[in-house]
Amino acid sequence: MKRAHRTAHARIWMVLGLLLPLTFLAILALRQTPPVDRPAVLIEAPAGGTPAEATQ
């Protein structure tokens, strides 16, 4: 009985060790949106810029 338990335990962990990362990576790959669907983000200078930047 002890040997069968160890074998089953090892197989279960082997399956989980392979399936969980693959599932996680598949979910991440499927939920990404293409760049054309993302709105444009305006990158602005910080409010406390240097005086040389303020005169432009």
PDB file of N, CA and C in Angstrom:
ATOM      1  N   MET A   1       0.828  -1.203   0.000  1.00  0.00           N
ATOM      2  CA  MET A   1       0.000   0.000   0.000  1.00  0.00           C
ATOM      3  C   MET A   1       0.866   1.257   0.000  1.00  0.00           C
ATOM      4  N   LYS A   2       1.958   1.221   0.722  1.00  0.00           N
ATOM      5  CA  LYS A   2       2.803   2.397   0.824  1.00  0.00           C
ATOM      6  C   LYS A   2       3.433   2.746  -0.530  1.00  0.00           C
ATOM      7  N   ARG A   3       3.880   1.743  -1.276  1.00  0.00           N
ATOM      8  CA  ARG A   3       4.499   1.977  -2.573  1.00  0.00           C
ATOM      9  C   ARG A   3       3.491   2.528  -3.577  1.00  0.00           C
ATOM     10  N   ALA A   4       2.261   2.011  -3.594  1.00  0.00           N
ATOM     11  CA  ALA A   4       1.234   2.508  -4.510  1.00  0.00           C
ATOM     12  C   ALA A   4       0.910   3.970  -4.216  1.00  0.00           C
ATOM     13  N   HIS A   5       0.883   4.316  -2.942  1.00  0.00           N
ATOM     14  CA  HIS A   5       0.611   5.700  -2.567  1.00  0.00           C
ATOM     15  C   HIS A   5       1.711   6.626  -3.070  1.00  0.00           C
ATOM     16  N   ARG A   6       2.949   6.214  -2.935  1.00  0.00           N
ATOM     17  CA  ARG A   6       4.069   7.033  -3.407  1.00  0.00           C
ATOM     18  C   ARG A   6       4.039   7.200  -4.923  1.00  0.00           C
ATOM     19  N   THR A   7       3.710   6.131  -5.616  1.00  0.00           N
ATOM     20  CA  THR A   7       3.648   6.192  -7.081  1.00  0.00           C
ATOM     21  C   THR A   7       2.534   7.132  -7.534  1.00  0.00           C
ATOM     22  N   ALA A   8       1.366   7.002  -6.924  1.00  0.00           N
ATOM     23  CA  ALA A   8       0.250   7.879  -7.281  1.00  0.00           C
ATOM     24  C   ALA A   8       0.591   9.334  -6.952  1.00  0.00           C
ATOM     25  N   HIS A   9       1.207   9.557  -5.814  1.00  0.00           N
ATOM     26  CA  HIS A   9       1.578  10.908  -5.398  1.00  0.00           C
ATOM     27  C   HIS A   9       2.568  11.516  -6.392  1.00  0.00           C
ATOM     28  N   ALA A  10       3.549  10.738  -6.798  1.00  0.00           N
ATOM     29  CA  ALA A  10       4.547  11.234  -7.753  1.00  0.00           C
ATOM     30  C   ALA A  10       3.911  11.549  -9.105  1.00  0.00           C
ATOM     31  N   ARG A  11       3.002  10.713  -9.550  1.00  0.00           N
ATOM     32  CA  ARG A  11       2.341  10.961 -10.843  1.00  0.00           C
ATOM     33  C   ARG A  11       1.450  12.196 -10.784  1.00  0.00           C
ATOM     34  N   ILE A  12       0.718  12.349  -9.701  1.00  0.00           N
ATOM     35  CA  ILE A  12      -0.160  13.520  -9.563  1.00  0.00           C
ATOM     36  C   ILE A  12       0.666  14.805  -9.583  1.00  0.00           C
ATOM     37  N   TRP A  13       1.774  14.838  -8.835  1.00  0.00           N
ATOM     38  CA  TRP A  13       2.594  16.041  -8.805  1.00  0.00           C
ATOM     39  C   TRP A  13       3.276  16.293 -10.139  1.00  0.00           C
ATOM     40  N   MET A  14       3.627  15.234 -10.849  1.00  0.00           N
ATOM     41  CA  MET A  14       4.234  15.393 -12.168  1.00  0.00           C
ATOM     42  C   MET A  14       3.226  16.029 -13.134  1.00  0.00           C
ATOM     43  N   VAL A  15       1.993  15.565 -13.102  1.00  0.00           N
ATOM     44  CA  VAL A  15       0.956  16.130 -13.972  1.00  0.00           C
ATOM     45  C   VAL A  15       0.677  17.576 -13.604  1.00  0.00           C
ATOM     46  N   LEU A  16       0.558  17.867 -12.310  1.00  0.00           N
ATOM     47  CA  LEU A  16       0.311  19.243 -11.882  1.00  0.00           C
ATOM     48  C   LEU A  16       1.493  20.151 -12.229  1.00  0.00           C
ATOM     49  N   GLY A  17       2.686  19.639 -12.080  1.00  0.00           N
ATOM     50  CA  GLY A  17       3.874  20.429 -12.390  1.00  0.00           C
ATOM     51  C   GLY A  17       3.973  20.782 -13.861  1.00  0.00           C
ATOM     52  N   LEU A  18       3.410  19.946 -14.726  1.00  0.00           N
ATOM     53  CA  LEU A  18       3.433  20.238 -16.156  1.00  0.00           C
ATOM     54  C   LEU A  18       2.220  21.047 -16.606  1.00  0.00           C
ATOM     55  N   LEU A  19       1.053  20.713 -16.094  1.00  0.00           N
ATOM     56  CA  LEU A  19      -0.170  21.361 -16.561  1.00  0.00           C
ATOM     57  C   LEU A  19      -0.366  22.773 -16.021  1.00  0.00           C
ATOM     58  N   LEU A  20      -0.026  23.012 -14.777  1.00  0.00           N
ATOM     59  CA  LEU A  20      -0.267  24.339 -14.202  1.00  0.00           C
ATOM     60  C   LEU A  20       0.532  25.450 -14.906  1.00  0.00           C
ATOM     61  N   PRO A  21       1.826  25.292 -15.143  1.00  0.00           N
ATOM     62  CA  PRO A  21       2.526  26.359 -15.875  1.00  0.00           C
ATOM     63  C   PRO A  21       2.040  26.520 -17.311  1.00  0.00           C
ATOM     64  N   LEU A  22       1.737  25.404 -17.974  1.00  0.00           N
ATOM     65  CA  LEU A  22       1.236  25.506 -19.345  1.00  0.00           C
ATOM     66  C   LEU A  22      -0.107  26.217 -19.389  1.00  0.00           C
ATOM     67  N   THR A  23      -0.978  25.918 -18.440  1.00  0.00           N
ATOM     68  CA  THR A  23      -2.276  26.585 -18.372  1.00  0.00           C
ATOM     69  C   THR A  23      -2.103  28.078 -18.099  1.00  0.00           C
ATOM     70  N   PHE A  24      -1.222  28.407 -17.179  1.00  0.00           N
ATOM     71  CA  PHE A  24      -0.973  29.806 -16.840  1.00  0.00           C
ATOM     72  C   PHE A  24      -0.450  30.575 -18.056  1.00  0.00           C
ATOM     73  N   LEU A  25       0.503  29.999 -18.772  1.00  0.00           N
ATOM     74  CA  LEU A  25       1.042  30.676 -19.954  1.00  0.00           C
ATOM     75  C   LEU A  25       0.007  30.790 -21.060  1.00  0.00           C
ATOM     76  N   ALA A  26      -0.833  29.780 -21.218  1.00  0.00           N
ATOM     77  CA  ALA A  26      -1.883  29.839 -22.245  1.00  0.00           C
ATOM     78  C   ALA A  26      -2.884  30.934 -21.921  1.00  0.00           C
ATOM     79  N   ILE A  27      -3.256  31.065 -20.661  1.00  0.00           N
ATOM     80  CA  ILE A  27      -4.198  32.120 -20.262  1.00  0.00           C
ATOM     81  C   ILE A  27      -3.585  33.493 -20.525  1.00  0.00           C
ATOM     82  N   LEU A  28      -2.314  33.669 -20.184  1.00  0.00           N
ATOM     83  CA  LEU A  28      -1.664  34.957 -20.437  1.00  0.00           C
ATOM     84  C   LEU A  28      -1.586  35.263 -21.925  1.00  0.00           C
ATOM     85  N   ALA A  29      -1.310  34.271 -22.734  1.00  0.00           N
ATOM     86  CA  ALA A  29      -1.208  34.487 -24.172  1.00  0.00           C
ATOM     87  C   ALA A  29      -2.564  34.810 -24.790  1.00  0.00           C
ATOM     88  N   LEU A  30      -3.613  34.206 -24.284  1.00  0.00           N
ATOM     89  CA  LEU A  30      -4.939  34.416 -24.866  1.00  0.00           C
ATOM     90  C   LEU A  30      -5.578  35.731 -24.449  1.00  0.00           C
ATOM     91  N   ARG A  31      -5.201  36.272 -23.306  1.00  0.00           N
ATOM     92  CA  ARG A  31      -5.878  37.488 -22.850  1.00  0.00           C
ATOM     93  C   ARG A  31      -5.194  38.769 -23.298  1.00  0.00           C
ATOM     94  N   GLN A  32      -4.054  38.700 -23.953  1.00  0.00           N
ATOM     95  CA  GLN A  32      -3.401  39.899 -24.451  1.00  0.00           C
ATOM     96  C   GLN A  32      -4.157  40.444 -25.650  1.00  0.00           C
ATOM     97  N   THR A  33      -4.300  41.764 -25.679  1.00  0.00           N
ATOM     98  CA  THR A  33      -4.963  42.401 -26.809  1.00  0.00           C
ATOM     99  C   THR A  33      -3.899  42.872 -27.796  1.00  0.00           C
ATOM    100  N   PRO A  34      -4.200  42.858 -29.058  1.00  0.00           N
ATOM    101  CA  PRO A  34      -3.228  43.354 -30.039  1.00  0.00           C
ATOM    102  C   PRO A  34      -2.996  44.855 -29.863  1.00  0.00           C
ATOM    103  N   PRO A  35      -1.853  45.362 -30.274  1.00  0.00           N
ATOM    104  CA  PRO A  35      -1.552  46.788 -30.093  1.00  0.00           C
ATOM    105  C   PRO A  35      -2.545  47.715 -30.777  1.00  0.00           C
ATOM    106  N   VAL A  36      -3.188  47.313 -31.866  1.00  0.00           N
ATOM    107  CA  VAL A  36      -4.117  48.208 -32.557  1.00  0.00           C
ATOM    108  C   VAL A  36      -5.385  48.431 -31.746  1.00  0.00           C
ATOM    109  N   ASP A  37      -5.709  47.544 -30.837  1.00  0.00           N
ATOM    110  CA  ASP A  37      -6.916  47.706 -30.031  1.00  0.00           C
ATOM    111  C   ASP A  37      -6.694  48.561 -28.785  1.00  0.00           C
ATOM    112  N   ARG A  38      -5.463  48.837 -28.493  1.00  0.00           N
ATOM    113  CA  ARG A  38      -5.168  49.609 -27.288  1.00  0.00           C
ATOM    114  C   ARG A  38      -5.234  51.095 -27.611  1.00  0.00           C
ATOM    115  N   PRO A  39      -5.783  51.905 -26.704  1.00  0.00           N
ATOM    116  CA  PRO A  39      -5.834  53.348 -26.946  1.00  0.00           C
ATOM    117  C   PRO A  39      -4.443  53.972 -26.831  1.00  0.00           C
ATOM    118  N   ALA A  40      -4.251  55.060 -27.540  1.00  0.00           N
ATOM    119  CA  ALA A  40      -2.976  55.768 -27.467  1.00  0.00           C
ATOM    120  C   ALA A  40      -2.847  56.436 -26.101  1.00  0.00           C
ATOM    121  N   VAL A  41      -1.657  56.368 -25.538  1.00  0.00           N
ATOM    122  CA  VAL A  41      -1.400  56.980 -24.238  1.00  0.00           C
ATOM    123  C   VAL A  41      -0.430  58.129 -24.459  1.00  0.00           C
ATOM    124  N   LEU A  42      -0.838  59.329 -24.043  1.00  0.00           N
ATOM    125  CA  LEU A  42      -0.002  60.505 -24.189  1.00  0.00           C
ATOM    126  C   LEU A  42       1.024  60.537 -23.062  1.00  0.00           C
ATOM    127  N   ILE A  43       2.281  60.583 -23.429  1.00  0.00           N
ATOM    128  CA  ILE A  43       3.347  60.660 -22.434  1.00  0.00           C
ATOM    129  C   ILE A  43       3.707  62.124 -22.277  1.00  0.00           C
ATOM    130  N   GLU A  44       3.497  62.650 -21.082  1.00  0.00           N
ATOM    131  CA  GLU A  44       3.750  64.059 -20.822  1.00  0.00           C
ATOM    132  C   GLU A  44       4.958  64.223 -19.915  1.00  0.00           C
ATOM    133  N   ALA A  45       5.555  65.405 -19.989  1.00  0.00           N
ATOM    134  CA  ALA A  45       6.660  65.731 -19.096  1.00  0.00           C
ATOM    135  C   ALA A  45       6.133  65.904 -17.687  1.00  0.00           C
ATOM    136  N   PRO A  46       6.954  65.639 -16.681  1.00  0.00           N
ATOM    137  CA  PRO A  46       6.504  65.869 -15.312  1.00  0.00           C
ATOM    138  C   PRO A  46       6.200  67.337 -15.049  1.00  0.00           C
ATOM    139  N   ALA A  47       5.336  67.598 -14.096  1.00  0.00           N
ATOM    140  CA  ALA A  47       4.902  68.973 -13.816  1.00  0.00           C
ATOM    141  C   ALA A  47       6.039  69.843 -13.318  1.00  0.00           C
ATOM    142  N   GLY A  48       6.971  69.299 -12.570  1.00  0.00           N
ATOM    143  CA  GLY A  48       8.087  70.092 -12.026  1.00  0.00           C
ATOM    144  C   GLY A  48       9.321  69.990 -12.893  1.00  0.00           C
ATOM    145  N   GLY A  49       9.214  70.376 -14.161  1.00  0.00           N
ATOM    146  CA  GLY A  49      10.349  70.280 -15.091  1.00  0.00           C
ATOM    147  C   GLY A  49      11.391  71.363 -14.843  1.00  0.00           C
ATOM    148  N   THR A  50      12.491  71.296 -15.564  1.00  0.00           N
ATOM    149  CA  THR A  50      13.543  72.315 -15.437  1.00  0.00           C
ATOM    150  C   THR A  50      13.099  73.608 -16.133  1.00  0.00           C
ATOM    151  N   PRO A  51      13.674  74.740 -15.776  1.00  0.00           N
ATOM    152  CA  PRO A  51      13.276  76.018 -16.412  1.00  0.00           C
ATOM    153  C   PRO A  51      13.523  76.052 -17.917  1.00  0.00           C
ATOM    154  N   ALA A  52      14.550  75.366 -18.410  1.00  0.00           N
ATOM    155  CA  ALA A  52      14.818  75.352 -19.845  1.00  0.00           C
ATOM    156  C   ALA A  52      13.657  74.686 -20.601  1.00  0.00           C
ATOM    157  N   GLU A  53      13.091  73.676 -20.001  1.00  0.00           N
ATOM    158  CA  GLU A  53      11.959  72.999 -20.641  1.00  0.00           C
ATOM    159  C   GLU A  53      10.706  73.861 -20.566  1.00  0.00           C
ATOM    160  N   ALA A  54      10.566  74.675 -19.539  1.00  0.00           N
ATOM    161  CA  ALA A  54       9.378  75.483 -19.351  1.00  0.00           C
ATOM    162  C   ALA A  54       9.306  76.617 -20.380  1.00  0.00           C
ATOM    163  N   THR A  55      10.440  77.072 -20.894  1.00  0.00           N
ATOM    164  CA  THR A  55      10.425  78.203 -21.825  1.00  0.00           C
ATOM    165  C   THR A  55      10.090  77.777 -23.239  1.00  0.00           C
ATOM    166  N   GLN A  56      10.133  76.495 -23.516  1.00  0.00           N
ATOM    167  CA  GLN A  56       9.834  76.028 -24.877  1.00  0.00           C
ATOM    168  C   GLN A  56       8.369  75.964 -25.138  1.00  0.00           C
TER     169      GLN A  56
END
